[in-house]
C-alpha atoms as a PDB file:
ATOM      1  CA  UNK A   1      49.594 -92.997 -28.738  1.00  0.00           C
ATOM      2  CA  UNK A   2      46.115 -91.808 -29.730  1.00  0.00           C
ATOM      3  CA  UNK A   3      44.196 -93.741 -32.338  1.00  0.00           C
ATOM      4  CA  UNK A   4      42.880 -91.771 -35.280  1.00  0.00           C
ATOM      5  CA  UNK A   5      39.673 -92.014 -37.253  1.00  0.00           C
ATOM      6  CA  UNK A   6      39.497 -93.946 -40.513  1.00  0.00           C
ATOM      7  CA  UNK A   7      37.985 -92.032 -43.417  1.00  0.00           C
ATOM      8  CA  UNK A   8      35.553 -93.746 -45.774  1.00  0.00           C
ATOM      9  CA  UNK A   9      34.574 -92.290 -49.145  1.00  0.00           C
ATOM     10  CA  UNK A  10      31.168 -93.600 -50.127  1.00  0.00           C
ATOM     11  CA  UNK A  11      29.327 -92.839 -53.354  1.00  0.00           C
ATOM     12  CA  UNK A  12      25.650 -93.736 -53.087  1.00  0.00           C
ATOM     13  CA  UNK A  13      23.063 -93.571 -55.847  1.00  0.00           C
ATOM     14  CA  UNK A  14      19.914 -93.084 -53.779  1.00  0.00           C
ATOM     15  CA  UNK A  15      16.483 -93.903 -55.181  1.00  0.00           C
ATOM     16  CA  UNK A  16      13.958 -93.564 -52.347  1.00  0.00           C
ATOM     17  CA  UNK A  17      10.568 -94.231 -53.940  1.00  0.00           C
ATOM     18  CA  UNK A  18       8.847 -93.887 -50.547  1.00  0.00           C
ATOM     19  CA  UNK A  19       9.824 -90.214 -50.271  1.00  0.00           C
ATOM     20  CA  UNK A  20      10.424 -89.415 -53.963  1.00  0.00           C
ATOM     21  CA  UNK A  21      14.105 -88.631 -53.284  1.00  0.00           C
ATOM     22  CA  UNK A  22      16.581 -89.384 -56.064  1.00  0.00           C
ATOM     23  CA  UNK A  23      20.120 -88.156 -55.425  1.00  0.00           C
ATOM     24  CA  UNK A  24      23.755 -89.053 -55.850  1.00  0.00           C
ATOM     25  CA  UNK A  25      25.504 -88.769 -52.491  1.00  0.00           C
ATOM     26  CA  UNK A  26      29.276 -88.387 -52.200  1.00  0.00           C
ATOM     27  CA  UNK A  27      29.949 -88.960 -48.504  1.00  0.00           C
ATOM     28  CA  UNK A  28      33.197 -88.645 -46.620  1.00  0.00           C
ATOM     29  CA  UNK A  29      32.588 -90.372 -43.304  1.00  0.00           C
ATOM     30  CA  UNK A  30      34.983 -90.671 -40.371  1.00  0.00           C
ATOM     31  CA  UNK A  31      34.912 -93.881 -38.333  1.00  0.00           C
ATOM     32  CA  UNK A  32      36.212 -93.479 -34.797  1.00  0.00           C
ATOM     33  CA  UNK A  33      38.310 -96.432 -33.534  1.00  0.00           C
ATOM     34  CA  UNK A  34      35.627 -97.216 -30.932  1.00  0.00           C
ATOM     35  CA  UNK A  35      32.887 -97.333 -33.580  1.00  0.00           C
ATOM     36  CA  UNK A  36      31.872-100.741 -34.978  1.00  0.00           C
ATOM     37  CA  UNK A  37      31.365-101.358 -38.682  1.00  0.00           C
ATOM     38  CA  UNK A  38      27.689-102.011 -37.932  1.00  0.00           C
ATOM     39  CA  UNK A  39      27.316 -98.638 -36.256  1.00  0.00           C
ATOM     40  CA  UNK A  40      29.102 -96.854 -39.113  1.00  0.00           C
ATOM     41  CA  UNK A  41      26.911 -98.506 -41.742  1.00  0.00           C
ATOM     42  CA  UNK A  42      23.730 -97.839 -39.764  1.00  0.00           C
ATOM     43  CA  UNK A  43      24.785 -94.188 -39.565  1.00  0.00           C
ATOM     44  CA  UNK A  44      25.367 -94.049 -43.341  1.00  0.00           C
ATOM     45  CA  UNK A  45      22.053 -95.745 -44.132  1.00  0.00           C
ATOM     46  CA  UNK A  46      20.220 -93.461 -41.671  1.00  0.00           C
ATOM     47  CA  UNK A  47      21.736 -90.460 -43.472  1.00  0.00           C
ATOM     48  CA  UNK A  48      20.464 -91.787 -46.813  1.00  0.00           C
ATOM     49  CA  UNK A  49      17.017 -92.657 -45.410  1.00  0.00           C
ATOM     50  CA  UNK A  50      16.665 -89.175 -43.895  1.00  0.00           C
ATOM     51  CA  UNK A  51      18.351 -87.314 -46.761  1.00  0.00           C
ATOM     52  CA  UNK A  52      16.942 -83.847 -47.331  1.00  0.00           C
ATOM     53  CA  UNK A  53      18.225 -80.309 -47.701  1.00  0.00           C
ATOM     54  CA  UNK A  54      20.175 -79.231 -44.603  1.00  0.00           C
ATOM     55  CA  UNK A  55      21.257 -82.722 -43.478  1.00  0.00           C
ATOM     56  CA  UNK A  56      24.712 -83.182 -41.954  1.00  0.00           C
ATOM     57  CA  UNK A  57      26.755 -85.611 -39.896  1.00  0.00           C
ATOM     58  CA  UNK A  58      27.916 -84.335 -36.509  1.00  0.00           C
ATOM     59  CA  UNK A  59      31.555 -83.760 -35.700  1.00  0.00           C
ATOM     60  CA  UNK A  60      31.420 -87.031 -33.785  1.00  0.00           C
ATOM     61  CA  UNK A  61      32.780 -87.713 -30.327  1.00  0.00           C
ATOM     62  CA  UNK A  62      34.361 -84.270 -30.161  1.00  0.00           C
ATOM     63  CA  UNK A  63      30.867 -82.780 -29.807  1.00  0.00           C
ATOM     64  CA  UNK A  64      28.852 -85.154 -27.561  1.00  0.00           C
ATOM     65  CA  UNK A  65      25.883 -82.787 -27.224  1.00  0.00           C
ATOM     66  CA  UNK A  66      25.131 -82.979 -30.941  1.00  0.00           C
ATOM     67  CA  UNK A  67      23.095 -85.678 -32.700  1.00  0.00           C
ATOM     68  CA  UNK A  68      24.796 -88.240 -34.938  1.00  0.00           C
ATOM     69  CA  UNK A  69      22.916 -86.643 -37.855  1.00  0.00           C
ATOM     70  CA  UNK A  70      21.011 -83.388 -37.916  1.00  0.00           C
ATOM     71  CA  UNK A  71      18.760 -81.528 -40.294  1.00  0.00           C
ATOM     72  CA  UNK A  72      18.784 -77.753 -39.980  1.00  0.00           C
ATOM     73  CA  UNK A  73      16.733 -75.188 -41.858  1.00  0.00           C
ATOM     74  CA  UNK A  74      18.203 -72.174 -43.646  1.00  0.00           C
ATOM     75  CA  UNK A  75      18.229 -70.158 -40.398  1.00  0.00           C
ATOM     76  CA  UNK A  76      20.307 -72.851 -38.689  1.00  0.00           C
ATOM     77  CA  UNK A  77      17.457 -74.026 -36.457  1.00  0.00           C
ATOM     78  CA  UNK A  78      17.539 -77.728 -35.636  1.00  0.00           C
ATOM     79  CA  UNK A  79      14.550 -79.499 -37.229  1.00  0.00           C
ATOM     80  CA  UNK A  80      15.460 -83.204 -37.056  1.00  0.00           C
ATOM     81  CA  UNK A  81      17.682 -84.954 -34.498  1.00  0.00           C
ATOM     82  CA  UNK A  82      18.803 -88.415 -35.663  1.00  0.00           C
ATOM     83  CA  UNK A  83      20.502 -90.803 -33.239  1.00  0.00           C
ATOM     84  CA  UNK A  84      22.155 -94.095 -34.122  1.00  0.00           C
ATOM     85  CA  UNK A  85      22.463 -97.118 -31.871  1.00  0.00           C
ATOM     86  CA  UNK A  86      20.829 -97.168 -28.438  1.00  0.00           C
ATOM     87  CA  UNK A  87      20.902 -93.675 -26.885  1.00  0.00           C
ATOM     88  CA  UNK A  88      19.726 -93.328 -23.297  1.00  0.00           C
ATOM     89  CA  UNK A  89      16.397 -91.800 -22.268  1.00  0.00           C
ATOM     90  CA  UNK A  90      17.980 -88.607 -20.913  1.00  0.00           C
ATOM     91  CA  UNK A  91      19.639 -87.892 -24.265  1.00  0.00           C
ATOM     92  CA  UNK A  92      16.358 -88.492 -26.122  1.00  0.00           C
ATOM     93  CA  UNK A  93      14.523 -86.252 -23.635  1.00  0.00           C
ATOM     94  CA  UNK A  94      16.968 -83.389 -24.351  1.00  0.00           C
ATOM     95  CA  UNK A  95      16.740 -84.067 -28.092  1.00  0.00           C
ATOM     96  CA  UNK A  96      12.932 -83.896 -28.086  1.00  0.00           C
ATOM     97  CA  UNK A  97      13.088 -80.502 -26.376  1.00  0.00           C
ATOM     98  CA  UNK A  98      15.511 -79.173 -28.995  1.00  0.00           C
ATOM     99  CA  UNK A  99      14.141 -80.527 -32.270  1.00  0.00           C
ATOM    100  CA  UNK A 100      10.769 -80.865 -33.970  1.00  0.00           C
ATOM    101  CA  UNK A 101      11.418 -84.514 -34.808  1.00  0.00           C
ATOM    102  CA  UNK A 102      13.604 -87.137 -33.093  1.00  0.00           C
ATOM    103  CA  UNK A 103      14.513 -90.366 -34.870  1.00  0.00           C
ATOM    104  CA  UNK A 104      16.608 -93.351 -33.742  1.00  0.00           C
ATOM    105  CA  UNK A 105      18.052 -95.934 -36.134  1.00  0.00           C
ATOM    106  CA  UNK A 106      19.423 -99.045 -34.486  1.00  0.00           C
ATOM    107  CA  UNK A 107      21.212-102.131 -35.736  1.00  0.00           C
ATOM    108  CA  UNK A 108      20.926-103.822 -32.346  1.00  0.00           C
ATOM    109  CA  UNK A 109      17.990-105.654 -30.733  1.00  0.00           C
ATOM    110  CA  UNK A 110      15.116-103.155 -31.083  1.00  0.00           C
ATOM    111  CA  UNK A 111      12.835-104.967 -28.615  1.00  0.00           C
ATOM    112  CA  UNK A 112      15.397-104.655 -25.819  1.00  0.00           C
ATOM    113  CA  UNK A 113      15.990-100.982 -26.653  1.00  0.00           C
ATOM    114  CA  UNK A 114      12.258-100.172 -26.665  1.00  0.00           C
ATOM    115  CA  UNK A 115      11.843-101.987 -23.312  1.00  0.00           C
ATOM    116  CA  UNK A 116      14.653 -99.841 -21.861  1.00  0.00           C
ATOM    117  CA  UNK A 117      12.794 -96.686 -22.888  1.00  0.00           C
ATOM    118  CA  UNK A 118       9.403 -97.817 -21.565  1.00  0.00           C
ATOM    119  CA  UNK A 119       8.410 -95.817 -18.511  1.00  0.00           C
ATOM    120  CA  UNK A 120      11.307 -93.383 -18.873  1.00  0.00           C
ATOM    121  CA  UNK A 121      10.720 -89.637 -18.839  1.00  0.00           C
ATOM    122  CA  UNK A 122      11.122 -88.512 -22.457  1.00  0.00           C
ATOM    123  CA  UNK A 123       9.600 -85.272 -23.745  1.00  0.00           C
ATOM    124  CA  UNK A 124       6.979 -86.039 -26.448  1.00  0.00           C
ATOM    125  CA  UNK A 125       7.743 -89.783 -26.263  1.00  0.00           C
ATOM    126  CA  UNK A 126       4.684 -90.500 -28.403  1.00  0.00           C
ATOM    127  CA  UNK A 127       6.380 -88.704 -31.316  1.00  0.00           C
ATOM    128  CA  UNK A 128       9.709 -90.556 -30.951  1.00  0.00           C
ATOM    129  CA  UNK A 129      10.477 -92.640 -34.051  1.00  0.00           C
ATOM    130  CA  UNK A 130      12.530 -95.800 -33.557  1.00  0.00           C
ATOM    131  CA  UNK A 131      13.610 -97.812 -36.596  1.00  0.00           C
ATOM    132  CA  UNK A 132      15.682-100.963 -36.845  1.00  0.00           C
ATOM    133  CA  UNK A 133      17.638-101.859 -39.933  1.00  0.00           C
ATOM    134  CA  UNK A 134      17.791-105.560 -40.758  1.00  0.00           C
ATOM    135  CA  UNK A 135      20.834-106.946 -38.954  1.00  0.00           C
ATOM    136  CA  UNK A 136      21.564-109.476 -41.704  1.00  0.00           C
ATOM    137  CA  UNK A 137      21.715-106.604 -44.212  1.00  0.00           C
ATOM    138  CA  UNK A 138      24.145-104.647 -42.016  1.00  0.00           C
ATOM    139  CA  UNK A 139      26.318-107.762 -41.587  1.00  0.00           C
ATOM    140  CA  UNK A 140      26.368-108.480 -45.329  1.00  0.00           C
ATOM    141  CA  UNK A 141      27.211-104.862 -46.104  1.00  0.00           C
ATOM    142  CA  UNK A 142      29.974-104.861 -43.449  1.00  0.00           C
ATOM    143  CA  UNK A 143      31.574-107.860 -45.194  1.00  0.00           C
ATOM    144  CA  UNK A 144      31.913-105.688 -48.302  1.00  0.00           C
ATOM    145  CA  UNK A 145      32.957-102.496 -46.536  1.00  0.00           C
ATOM    146  CA  UNK A 146      35.919-100.765 -48.118  1.00  0.00           C
ATOM    147  CA  UNK A 147      37.429 -97.329 -47.537  1.00  0.00           C
ATOM    148  CA  UNK A 148      36.348 -96.360 -51.056  1.00  0.00           C
ATOM    149  CA  UNK A 149      33.127 -97.862 -52.252  1.00  0.00           C
ATOM    150  CA  UNK A 150      30.145 -97.132 -54.441  1.00  0.00           C
ATOM    151  CA  UNK A 151      26.704 -98.667 -54.310  1.00  0.00           C
ATOM    152  CA  UNK A 152      23.103 -98.050 -55.266  1.00  0.00           C
ATOM    153  CA  UNK A 153      20.448 -97.879 -52.568  1.00  0.00           C
ATOM    154  CA  UNK A 154      16.810 -98.289 -53.556  1.00  0.00           C
ATOM    155  CA  UNK A 155      14.032 -97.895 -51.003  1.00  0.00           C
ATOM    156  CA  UNK A 156      10.513 -99.194 -51.667  1.00  0.00           C
ATOM    157  CA  UNK A 157       7.926 -99.717 -48.925  1.00  0.00           C
ATOM    158  CA  UNK A 158      10.718 -99.489 -46.304  1.00  0.00           C
ATOM    159  CA  UNK A 159      12.563-102.371 -47.991  1.00  0.00           C
ATOM    160  CA  UNK A 160      16.190-101.654 -48.866  1.00  0.00           C
ATOM    161  CA  UNK A 161      17.924-102.958 -51.976  1.00  0.00           C
ATOM    162  CA  UNK A 162      21.660-102.333 -52.079  1.00  0.00           C
ATOM    163  CA  UNK A 163      23.543-103.101 -55.296  1.00  0.00           C
ATOM    164  CA  UNK A 164      27.316-103.413 -55.011  1.00  0.00           C
ATOM    165  CA  UNK A 165      28.949-104.620 -58.186  1.00  0.00           C
ATOM    166  CA  UNK A 166      27.070-107.779 -59.215  1.00  0.00           C
ATOM    167  CA  UNK A 167      25.647-108.377 -55.700  1.00  0.00           C
ATOM    168  CA  UNK A 168      22.259-107.206 -54.450  1.00  0.00           C
ATOM    169  CA  UNK A 169      21.650-107.129 -50.701  1.00  0.00           C
ATOM    170  CA  UNK A 170      18.147-106.794 -49.312  1.00  0.00           C
ATOM    171  CA  UNK A 171      16.648-106.060 -45.930  1.00  0.00           C
ATOM    172  CA  UNK A 172      13.968-104.052 -44.271  1.00  0.00           C
ATOM    173  CA  UNK A 173      13.603-101.033 -42.050  1.00  0.00           C
ATOM    174  CA  UNK A 174      11.038-101.593 -39.317  1.00  0.00           C
ATOM    175  CA  UNK A 175       9.390 -98.961 -37.124  1.00  0.00           C
ATOM    176  CA  UNK A 176       8.924 -99.834 -33.450  1.00  0.00           C
ATOM    177  CA  UNK A 177       6.367 -98.297 -31.094  1.00  0.00           C
ATOM    178  CA  UNK A 178       7.858 -96.942 -27.886  1.00  0.00           C
ATOM    179  CA  UNK A 179       4.635 -96.381 -25.939  1.00  0.00           C
END
């Protein structure tokens, strides 16, 4: 018997002072059975941190050649390719050839991931953006994860402040050099 995805309905009040983005996001996100809570939450936070007109989640595992999150312009051209986790160098090489900007958000050990990429053949590797989201923040948010949840996300100087009910979770987003 095939396992099915779990649907999460997330309402996020986004206040990103770094980019001057203030929006209310109503997200319906599918979590594949093979996807960890950490991965799901990193994907949701990456979506919020990259939020702009034309952003969308991919169709998931059913379309492996698509990014986890993409930003397309009004003509449908791919502008930003966002990966989550630890994609391999070949995937990032293809992504860099197909999009103006390639970004990776990881909740795993960023130093190990960056070492894996060092010396690999990746188109425009100097432009590759790798960010890690504080693992303690992801863990604390995962403890509160519910299929229907609402929270506020404030971003200031790449520090994240997540308010859920009476709790406030904090953590940073750190950029890592690949070359």
